[in-house]
Amino acid sequence: MKKKIVSALMAAALCATPCSARVINIPKGIYPSMGVVTKIKERKDGYFRVTFQDGADRKYSWIDDDPSWCKGDFVATIMYDNGTRTIYDDKVVDARYVGYKGLF
C-alpha cells in the first residue's frame, strides 16, 4: 500500500513540475570546439602559449598563465569566428582542461 501511495505522490509531483526549455542567447559567431594540446611554449613574460589541434587538424593557440598544461591533454574551448567566414583566423575565447588519454 505504501508503494502505491509513494508512486502516486511521485507521479503527481512530476506532473506538477513545469517543464520548459531555458532560452539562451548565444552571441553570433561563438561555437564550441575540442582538441588535443600539441605544444606548450613558455614566453619571456612568464605566460605560456598553448596550442591545440582539433579533429580536422586545424591548430589554434591561446596565452595562459597556468603552467600545468601538458602535451596530450584534452581541451574544450569556446571559439569566436572573428566575424569572418574563414576558419583560420578564429580565436580561442575560453579553454578548459577535459582530461588526458590515460583517463579513458
N, C-alpha and C. Protein backbone atom coordinates (compact mmCIF):
# COMPACT_ATOMS: atom_id res chain seq x y z
N MET A 1 0.83 -1.20 0.00
CA MET A 1 0.00 0.00 0.00
C MET A 1 0.87 1.26 0.00
N LYS A 2 1.96 1.23 0.81
CA LYS A 2 2.84 2.39 0.88
C LYS A 2 3.49 2.67 -0.48
N LYS A 3 3.85 1.59 -1.19
CA LYS A 3 4.47 1.76 -2.50
C LYS A 3 3.53 2.46 -3.47
N LYS A 4 2.25 2.11 -3.41
CA LYS A 4 1.27 2.73 -4.31
C LYS A 4 1.11 4.21 -3.99
N ILE A 5 1.07 4.53 -2.70
CA ILE A 5 0.92 5.93 -2.29
C ILE A 5 2.14 6.75 -2.71
N VAL A 6 3.32 6.19 -2.45
CA VAL A 6 4.56 6.89 -2.83
C VAL A 6 4.62 7.06 -4.34
N SER A 7 4.25 6.04 -5.08
CA SER A 7 4.25 6.13 -6.55
C SER A 7 3.28 7.20 -7.03
N ALA A 8 2.10 7.25 -6.42
CA ALA A 8 1.11 8.25 -6.81
C ALA A 8 1.60 9.66 -6.49
N LEU A 9 2.24 9.84 -5.33
CA LEU A 9 2.77 11.15 -4.96
C LEU A 9 3.90 11.58 -5.91
N MET A 10 4.76 10.63 -6.28
CA MET A 10 5.85 10.95 -7.20
C MET A 10 5.30 11.33 -8.57
N ALA A 11 4.29 10.60 -9.04
CA ALA A 11 3.68 10.91 -10.33
C ALA A 11 3.03 12.29 -10.30
N ALA A 12 2.36 12.61 -9.20
CA ALA A 12 1.73 13.93 -9.07
C ALA A 12 2.78 15.02 -9.05
N ALA A 13 3.90 14.78 -8.35
CA ALA A 13 4.97 15.78 -8.30
C ALA A 13 5.58 16.00 -9.67
N LEU A 14 5.77 14.93 -10.43
CA LEU A 14 6.33 15.05 -11.77
C LEU A 14 5.40 15.81 -12.70
N CYS A 15 4.09 15.57 -12.57
CA CYS A 15 3.12 16.26 -13.41
C CYS A 15 3.02 17.73 -13.04
N ALA A 16 3.24 18.06 -11.78
CA ALA A 16 3.13 19.44 -11.32
C ALA A 16 4.37 20.25 -11.62
N THR A 17 5.47 19.59 -11.91
CA THR A 17 6.72 20.30 -12.19
C THR A 17 6.66 20.90 -13.59
N PRO A 18 6.85 22.22 -13.68
CA PRO A 18 6.81 22.83 -15.01
C PRO A 18 8.04 22.41 -15.83
N CYS A 19 7.80 22.08 -17.06
CA CYS A 19 8.88 21.69 -17.96
C CYS A 19 8.99 22.73 -19.06
N SER A 20 10.05 23.48 -19.03
CA SER A 20 10.25 24.46 -20.08
C SER A 20 11.74 24.57 -20.39
N ALA A 21 12.02 24.80 -21.63
CA ALA A 21 13.41 24.96 -22.04
C ALA A 21 13.85 26.38 -21.73
N ARG A 22 15.08 26.49 -21.26
CA ARG A 22 15.63 27.80 -20.97
C ARG A 22 16.23 28.36 -22.25
N VAL A 23 15.85 29.55 -22.58
CA VAL A 23 16.35 30.19 -23.79
C VAL A 23 17.66 30.89 -23.46
N ILE A 24 18.69 30.55 -24.22
CA ILE A 24 19.99 31.18 -24.02
C ILE A 24 20.35 31.91 -25.30
N ASN A 25 20.67 33.16 -25.16
CA ASN A 25 21.06 33.94 -26.32
C ASN A 25 22.57 33.87 -26.47
N ILE A 26 23.02 33.06 -27.41
CA ILE A 26 24.45 32.92 -27.68
C ILE A 26 24.82 33.94 -28.75
N PRO A 27 25.83 34.75 -28.47
CA PRO A 27 26.23 35.75 -29.47
C PRO A 27 26.62 35.09 -30.79
N LYS A 28 26.34 35.79 -31.87
CA LYS A 28 26.66 35.26 -33.20
C LYS A 28 28.17 35.09 -33.32
N GLY A 29 28.58 33.98 -33.91
CA GLY A 29 29.99 33.74 -34.14
C GLY A 29 30.68 32.93 -33.05
N ILE A 30 29.96 32.56 -32.00
CA ILE A 30 30.52 31.78 -30.90
C ILE A 30 30.16 30.31 -31.11
N TYR A 31 31.15 29.42 -30.95
CA TYR A 31 30.88 27.99 -31.11
C TYR A 31 31.86 27.18 -30.26
N PRO A 32 31.50 25.95 -29.90
CA PRO A 32 32.39 25.10 -29.10
C PRO A 32 33.35 24.31 -30.00
N SER A 33 34.46 23.93 -29.43
CA SER A 33 35.41 23.08 -30.13
C SER A 33 36.13 22.23 -29.08
N MET A 34 36.83 21.23 -29.55
CA MET A 34 37.58 20.36 -28.66
C MET A 34 38.80 19.84 -29.41
N GLY A 35 39.85 19.55 -28.68
CA GLY A 35 41.04 19.04 -29.33
C GLY A 35 42.06 18.53 -28.34
N VAL A 36 43.27 18.34 -28.83
CA VAL A 36 44.37 17.81 -28.04
C VAL A 36 45.51 18.83 -28.04
N VAL A 37 46.06 19.10 -26.87
CA VAL A 37 47.19 20.02 -26.76
C VAL A 37 48.39 19.40 -27.45
N THR A 38 48.99 20.15 -28.38
CA THR A 38 50.13 19.65 -29.14
C THR A 38 51.44 20.34 -28.80
N LYS A 39 51.34 21.53 -28.20
CA LYS A 39 52.57 22.29 -27.94
C LYS A 39 52.34 23.29 -26.82
N ILE A 40 53.31 23.41 -25.93
CA ILE A 40 53.30 24.42 -24.88
C ILE A 40 54.64 25.14 -24.94
N LYS A 41 54.60 26.44 -25.07
CA LYS A 41 55.84 27.20 -25.17
C LYS A 41 55.81 28.33 -24.14
N GLU A 42 56.83 28.38 -23.28
CA GLU A 42 56.91 29.45 -22.30
C GLU A 42 57.42 30.72 -22.97
N ARG A 43 56.76 31.82 -22.65
CA ARG A 43 57.15 33.10 -23.22
C ARG A 43 58.05 33.85 -22.25
N LYS A 44 58.66 34.91 -22.72
CA LYS A 44 59.57 35.71 -21.88
C LYS A 44 58.85 36.38 -20.72
N ASP A 45 57.57 36.68 -20.90
CA ASP A 45 56.81 37.36 -19.85
C ASP A 45 56.26 36.41 -18.79
N GLY A 46 56.60 35.11 -18.87
CA GLY A 46 56.16 34.15 -17.87
C GLY A 46 54.87 33.43 -18.20
N TYR A 47 54.18 33.88 -19.24
CA TYR A 47 52.96 33.21 -19.68
C TYR A 47 53.32 32.06 -20.63
N PHE A 48 52.31 31.28 -21.00
CA PHE A 48 52.52 30.12 -21.86
C PHE A 48 51.63 30.22 -23.09
N ARG A 49 52.18 29.92 -24.26
CA ARG A 49 51.38 29.80 -25.47
C ARG A 49 51.05 28.32 -25.61
N VAL A 50 49.75 28.01 -25.48
CA VAL A 50 49.28 26.63 -25.56
C VAL A 50 48.61 26.44 -26.92
N THR A 51 49.04 25.44 -27.65
CA THR A 51 48.49 25.15 -28.97
C THR A 51 47.76 23.82 -28.93
N PHE A 52 46.56 23.80 -29.53
CA PHE A 52 45.82 22.54 -29.62
C PHE A 52 45.41 22.30 -31.06
N GLN A 53 45.17 21.04 -31.35
CA GLN A 53 44.75 20.61 -32.68
C GLN A 53 43.37 20.00 -32.57
N ASP A 54 42.45 20.45 -33.42
CA ASP A 54 41.10 19.90 -33.37
C ASP A 54 40.98 18.67 -34.27
N GLY A 55 39.80 18.12 -34.37
CA GLY A 55 39.58 16.89 -35.13
C GLY A 55 39.79 17.02 -36.62
N ALA A 56 39.79 18.25 -37.14
CA ALA A 56 40.01 18.48 -38.56
C ALA A 56 41.45 18.93 -38.83
N ASP A 57 42.34 18.68 -37.89
CA ASP A 57 43.77 19.01 -37.99
C ASP A 57 44.06 20.50 -38.06
N ARG A 58 43.12 21.33 -37.62
CA ARG A 58 43.39 22.77 -37.53
C ARG A 58 44.03 23.06 -36.19
N LYS A 59 44.98 23.98 -36.17
CA LYS A 59 45.68 24.32 -34.93
C LYS A 59 45.31 25.73 -34.50
N TYR A 60 45.02 25.87 -33.21
CA TYR A 60 44.71 27.16 -32.60
C TYR A 60 45.53 27.27 -31.33
N SER A 61 45.81 28.48 -30.91
CA SER A 61 46.57 28.65 -29.67
C SER A 61 46.01 29.83 -28.87
N TRP A 62 46.35 29.84 -27.61
CA TRP A 62 45.97 30.92 -26.72
C TRP A 62 47.08 31.11 -25.70
N ILE A 63 47.03 32.24 -25.01
CA ILE A 63 48.01 32.57 -23.98
C ILE A 63 47.39 32.25 -22.63
N ASP A 64 48.13 31.53 -21.78
CA ASP A 64 47.61 31.10 -20.48
C ASP A 64 48.69 31.30 -19.42
N ASP A 65 48.26 31.55 -18.20
CA ASP A 65 49.21 31.70 -17.09
C ASP A 65 49.36 30.41 -16.29
N ASP A 66 48.64 29.38 -16.68
CA ASP A 66 48.66 28.11 -15.96
C ASP A 66 49.77 27.20 -16.51
N PRO A 67 50.76 26.87 -15.71
CA PRO A 67 51.87 26.04 -16.19
C PRO A 67 51.56 24.54 -16.21
N SER A 68 50.36 24.14 -15.82
CA SER A 68 50.07 22.71 -15.68
C SER A 68 49.61 22.04 -16.97
N TRP A 69 49.48 22.78 -18.08
CA TRP A 69 49.12 22.15 -19.34
C TRP A 69 50.23 21.21 -19.78
N CYS A 70 49.86 20.06 -20.34
CA CYS A 70 50.83 19.09 -20.83
C CYS A 70 50.45 18.67 -22.25
N LYS A 71 51.45 18.32 -23.02
CA LYS A 71 51.21 17.81 -24.37
C LYS A 71 50.36 16.55 -24.25
N GLY A 72 49.30 16.46 -25.04
CA GLY A 72 48.40 15.31 -24.99
C GLY A 72 47.14 15.54 -24.17
N ASP A 73 47.07 16.65 -23.43
CA ASP A 73 45.85 16.96 -22.67
C ASP A 73 44.70 17.24 -23.62
N PHE A 74 43.50 16.84 -23.23
CA PHE A 74 42.29 17.17 -23.98
C PHE A 74 41.81 18.52 -23.50
N VAL A 75 41.34 19.34 -24.43
CA VAL A 75 40.88 20.68 -24.09
C VAL A 75 39.54 20.95 -24.79
N ALA A 76 38.62 21.55 -24.04
CA ALA A 76 37.35 22.02 -24.60
C ALA A 76 37.44 23.53 -24.67
N THR A 77 37.05 24.09 -25.80
CA THR A 77 37.19 25.53 -25.97
C THR A 77 35.89 26.17 -26.45
N ILE A 78 35.78 27.45 -26.17
CA ILE A 78 34.76 28.29 -26.76
C ILE A 78 35.51 29.16 -27.77
N MET A 79 35.05 29.13 -29.00
CA MET A 79 35.74 29.82 -30.08
C MET A 79 34.89 30.98 -30.60
N TYR A 80 35.58 31.96 -31.19
CA TYR A 80 34.91 33.09 -31.84
C TYR A 80 35.38 33.13 -33.29
N ASP A 81 34.44 33.25 -34.22
CA ASP A 81 34.80 33.19 -35.65
C ASP A 81 35.40 34.48 -36.19
N ASN A 82 35.59 35.47 -35.33
CA ASN A 82 36.24 36.73 -35.70
C ASN A 82 35.44 37.52 -36.73
N GLY A 83 34.17 37.16 -36.90
CA GLY A 83 33.31 37.87 -37.83
C GLY A 83 33.57 37.59 -39.29
N THR A 84 34.33 36.53 -39.57
CA THR A 84 34.66 36.19 -40.95
C THR A 84 34.19 34.78 -41.28
N ARG A 85 34.16 34.45 -42.56
CA ARG A 85 33.76 33.12 -42.98
C ARG A 85 34.91 32.11 -42.91
N THR A 86 36.14 32.59 -42.97
CA THR A 86 37.28 31.69 -42.93
C THR A 86 37.50 31.19 -41.50
N ILE A 87 37.95 29.96 -41.37
CA ILE A 87 38.12 29.38 -40.04
C ILE A 87 39.53 29.57 -39.51
N TYR A 88 40.43 30.01 -40.34
CA TYR A 88 41.84 30.06 -39.94
C TYR A 88 42.19 31.28 -39.10
N ASP A 89 41.27 32.23 -38.96
CA ASP A 89 41.53 33.38 -38.11
C ASP A 89 40.69 33.36 -36.83
N ASP A 90 40.03 32.22 -36.53
CA ASP A 90 39.20 32.12 -35.35
C ASP A 90 40.05 32.21 -34.09
N LYS A 91 39.44 32.69 -33.02
CA LYS A 91 40.16 32.91 -31.76
C LYS A 91 39.59 32.06 -30.64
N VAL A 92 40.45 31.65 -29.74
CA VAL A 92 40.03 30.92 -28.54
C VAL A 92 39.56 31.95 -27.52
N VAL A 93 38.30 31.84 -27.11
CA VAL A 93 37.73 32.75 -26.11
C VAL A 93 37.99 32.20 -24.71
N ASP A 94 37.79 30.88 -24.55
CA ASP A 94 37.98 30.23 -23.26
C ASP A 94 38.42 28.80 -23.50
N ALA A 95 39.24 28.29 -22.61
CA ALA A 95 39.73 26.92 -22.73
C ALA A 95 39.63 26.24 -21.37
N ARG A 96 39.19 25.00 -21.37
CA ARG A 96 39.05 24.21 -20.13
C ARG A 96 39.70 22.85 -20.31
N TYR A 97 40.40 22.43 -19.29
CA TYR A 97 41.01 21.10 -19.25
C TYR A 97 39.91 20.06 -19.18
N VAL A 98 39.99 19.02 -20.01
CA VAL A 98 38.98 17.96 -20.03
C VAL A 98 39.55 16.64 -19.52
N GLY A 99 40.81 16.40 -19.72
CA GLY A 99 41.43 15.16 -19.28
C GLY A 99 42.62 14.82 -20.15
N TYR A 100 43.04 13.59 -20.05
CA TYR A 100 44.14 13.11 -20.90
C TYR A 100 43.85 11.69 -21.30
N LYS A 101 44.61 11.19 -22.25
CA LYS A 101 44.34 9.88 -22.85
C LYS A 101 44.31 8.77 -21.81
N GLY A 102 45.15 8.84 -20.80
CA GLY A 102 45.23 7.80 -19.78
C GLY A 102 43.97 7.65 -18.93
N LEU A 103 43.09 8.66 -18.96
CA LEU A 103 41.85 8.57 -18.17
C LEU A 103 40.84 7.64 -18.79
N PHE A 104 40.94 7.41 -20.10
CA PHE A 104 39.92 6.63 -20.81
C PHE A 104 40.45 5.28 -21.11
